Amino acid sequence: MREVLGVYLCGVILVLAVCTTIDGDEPVGFDHIIIAAFGWPIFTSILALKAWSSR
């Protein structure tokens, strides 16, 4: 479980670090960045399950 939490936190830090390079005039809002930072494990697991079940 520690590995999963570590990967999750590294992903969140990576997404938040990338969002600091986005200019203020971009159409991407802060709410989109927060959803991407904290929601990627859910969406990734859903896509993996769909790919696995379609085999």
N, C-alpha and C. Protein backbone atom coordinates (compact mmCIF):
# COMPACT_ATOMS: atom_id res chain seq x y z
N MET A 1 0.82 -1.19 0.00
CA MET A 1 0.00 0.00 0.00
C MET A 1 0.87 1.26 0.00
N ARG A 2 2.06 1.16 0.58
CA ARG A 2 2.96 2.30 0.62
C ARG A 2 3.41 2.70 -0.77
N GLU A 3 3.63 1.71 -1.64
CA GLU A 3 4.05 2.00 -3.01
C GLU A 3 2.97 2.73 -3.78
N VAL A 4 1.72 2.31 -3.59
CA VAL A 4 0.61 2.95 -4.28
C VAL A 4 0.48 4.41 -3.85
N LEU A 5 0.60 4.65 -2.57
CA LEU A 5 0.52 6.02 -2.06
C LEU A 5 1.69 6.85 -2.57
N GLY A 6 2.85 6.26 -2.65
CA GLY A 6 4.02 6.97 -3.17
C GLY A 6 3.85 7.36 -4.63
N VAL A 7 3.35 6.43 -5.44
CA VAL A 7 3.11 6.73 -6.86
C VAL A 7 2.05 7.80 -7.00
N TYR A 8 1.00 7.73 -6.19
CA TYR A 8 -0.07 8.73 -6.24
C TYR A 8 0.47 10.12 -5.90
N LEU A 9 1.25 10.21 -4.83
CA LEU A 9 1.78 11.51 -4.43
C LEU A 9 2.78 12.05 -5.45
N CYS A 10 3.57 11.19 -6.06
CA CYS A 10 4.49 11.64 -7.11
C CYS A 10 3.71 12.16 -8.32
N GLY A 11 2.61 11.50 -8.66
CA GLY A 11 1.78 11.97 -9.76
C GLY A 11 1.15 13.32 -9.46
N VAL A 12 0.68 13.50 -8.24
CA VAL A 12 0.08 14.78 -7.85
C VAL A 12 1.13 15.88 -7.90
N ILE A 13 2.31 15.61 -7.38
CA ILE A 13 3.37 16.61 -7.39
C ILE A 13 3.78 16.94 -8.82
N LEU A 14 3.84 15.94 -9.68
CA LEU A 14 4.20 16.17 -11.08
C LEU A 14 3.18 17.04 -11.78
N VAL A 15 1.89 16.73 -11.62
CA VAL A 15 0.85 17.53 -12.27
C VAL A 15 0.84 18.96 -11.74
N LEU A 16 0.99 19.12 -10.43
CA LEU A 16 1.00 20.47 -9.87
C LEU A 16 2.26 21.24 -10.29
N ALA A 17 3.38 20.55 -10.47
CA ALA A 17 4.59 21.22 -10.95
C ALA A 17 4.43 21.67 -12.39
N VAL A 18 3.78 20.85 -13.21
CA VAL A 18 3.55 21.22 -14.60
C VAL A 18 2.58 22.40 -14.68
N CYS A 19 1.63 22.46 -13.77
CA CYS A 19 0.64 23.55 -13.83
C CYS A 19 1.26 24.89 -13.51
N THR A 20 2.41 24.92 -12.86
CA THR A 20 3.05 26.20 -12.60
C THR A 20 3.63 26.81 -13.86
N THR A 21 3.82 26.01 -14.91
CA THR A 21 4.35 26.53 -16.17
C THR A 21 3.26 27.08 -17.07
N ILE A 22 2.00 26.92 -16.71
CA ILE A 22 0.88 27.39 -17.53
C ILE A 22 0.70 28.89 -17.28
N ASP A 23 0.59 29.65 -18.35
CA ASP A 23 0.38 31.09 -18.22
C ASP A 23 -1.02 31.39 -17.70
N GLY A 24 -1.20 32.59 -17.21
CA GLY A 24 -2.50 33.00 -16.67
C GLY A 24 -3.56 33.20 -17.73
N ASP A 25 -3.16 33.41 -18.97
CA ASP A 25 -4.14 33.65 -20.03
C ASP A 25 -4.57 32.37 -20.74
N GLU A 26 -4.12 31.23 -20.27
CA GLU A 26 -4.54 29.95 -20.85
C GLU A 26 -5.98 29.64 -20.47
N PRO A 27 -6.71 28.90 -21.32
CA PRO A 27 -8.10 28.58 -20.99
C PRO A 27 -8.25 27.50 -19.91
N VAL A 28 -7.14 26.94 -19.46
CA VAL A 28 -7.19 25.90 -18.43
C VAL A 28 -7.28 26.59 -17.06
N GLY A 29 -8.35 26.29 -16.33
CA GLY A 29 -8.52 26.90 -15.02
C GLY A 29 -7.91 26.07 -13.91
N PHE A 30 -7.85 26.67 -12.72
CA PHE A 30 -7.27 25.98 -11.58
C PHE A 30 -8.09 24.76 -11.19
N ASP A 31 -9.41 24.81 -11.38
CA ASP A 31 -10.24 23.65 -11.05
C ASP A 31 -9.92 22.46 -11.93
N HIS A 32 -9.60 22.71 -13.20
CA HIS A 32 -9.20 21.61 -14.09
C HIS A 32 -7.89 20.99 -13.64
N ILE A 33 -6.99 21.82 -13.16
CA ILE A 33 -5.69 21.33 -12.70
C ILE A 33 -5.86 20.48 -11.45
N ILE A 34 -6.70 20.91 -10.52
CA ILE A 34 -6.93 20.15 -9.30
C ILE A 34 -7.59 18.81 -9.62
N ILE A 35 -8.55 18.81 -10.54
CA ILE A 35 -9.19 17.55 -10.93
C ILE A 35 -8.18 16.61 -11.56
N ALA A 36 -7.30 17.14 -12.40
CA ALA A 36 -6.28 16.31 -13.03
C ALA A 36 -5.29 15.78 -12.00
N ALA A 37 -4.92 16.60 -11.04
CA ALA A 37 -3.92 16.20 -10.07
C ALA A 37 -4.43 15.10 -9.15
N PHE A 38 -5.66 15.21 -8.70
CA PHE A 38 -6.16 14.25 -7.72
C PHE A 38 -7.05 13.16 -8.32
N GLY A 39 -7.47 13.31 -9.57
CA GLY A 39 -8.36 12.33 -10.17
C GLY A 39 -7.71 11.34 -11.11
N TRP A 40 -6.41 11.52 -11.41
CA TRP A 40 -5.80 10.64 -12.40
C TRP A 40 -5.75 9.18 -11.98
N PRO A 41 -5.62 8.80 -10.71
CA PRO A 41 -5.61 7.36 -10.40
C PRO A 41 -6.95 6.70 -10.68
N ILE A 42 -8.01 7.42 -10.47
CA ILE A 42 -9.35 6.86 -10.70
C ILE A 42 -9.56 6.63 -12.19
N PHE A 43 -9.24 7.64 -13.01
CA PHE A 43 -9.44 7.51 -14.44
C PHE A 43 -8.50 6.48 -15.05
N THR A 44 -7.29 6.40 -14.55
CA THR A 44 -6.33 5.42 -15.06
C THR A 44 -6.79 4.00 -14.76
N SER A 45 -7.28 3.77 -13.56
CA SER A 45 -7.74 2.42 -13.23
C SER A 45 -8.99 2.06 -14.01
N ILE A 46 -9.87 3.02 -14.27
CA ILE A 46 -11.06 2.73 -15.08
C ILE A 46 -10.65 2.36 -16.50
N LEU A 47 -9.72 3.11 -17.07
CA LEU A 47 -9.26 2.79 -18.43
C LEU A 47 -8.55 1.44 -18.47
N ALA A 48 -7.78 1.12 -17.45
CA ALA A 48 -7.09 -0.18 -17.42
C ALA A 48 -8.10 -1.32 -17.32
N LEU A 49 -9.13 -1.15 -16.50
CA LEU A 49 -10.15 -2.20 -16.40
C LEU A 49 -10.93 -2.39 -17.68
N LYS A 50 -11.21 -1.28 -18.38
CA LYS A 50 -11.90 -1.39 -19.67
C LYS A 50 -11.02 -2.10 -20.70
N ALA A 51 -9.75 -1.76 -20.72
CA ALA A 51 -8.84 -2.41 -21.67
C ALA A 51 -8.67 -3.89 -21.33
N TRP A 52 -8.62 -4.21 -20.04
CA TRP A 52 -8.45 -5.60 -19.64
C TRP A 52 -9.70 -6.42 -19.96
N SER A 53 -10.88 -5.84 -19.77
CA SER A 53 -12.12 -6.59 -20.01
C SER A 53 -12.42 -6.74 -21.50
N SER A 54 -11.86 -5.86 -22.34
CA SER A 54 -12.12 -5.97 -23.77
C SER A 54 -11.19 -6.96 -24.46
N ARG A 55 -10.26 -7.52 -23.72
CA ARG A 55 -9.34 -8.50 -24.31
C ARG A 55 -10.04 -9.75 -24.58
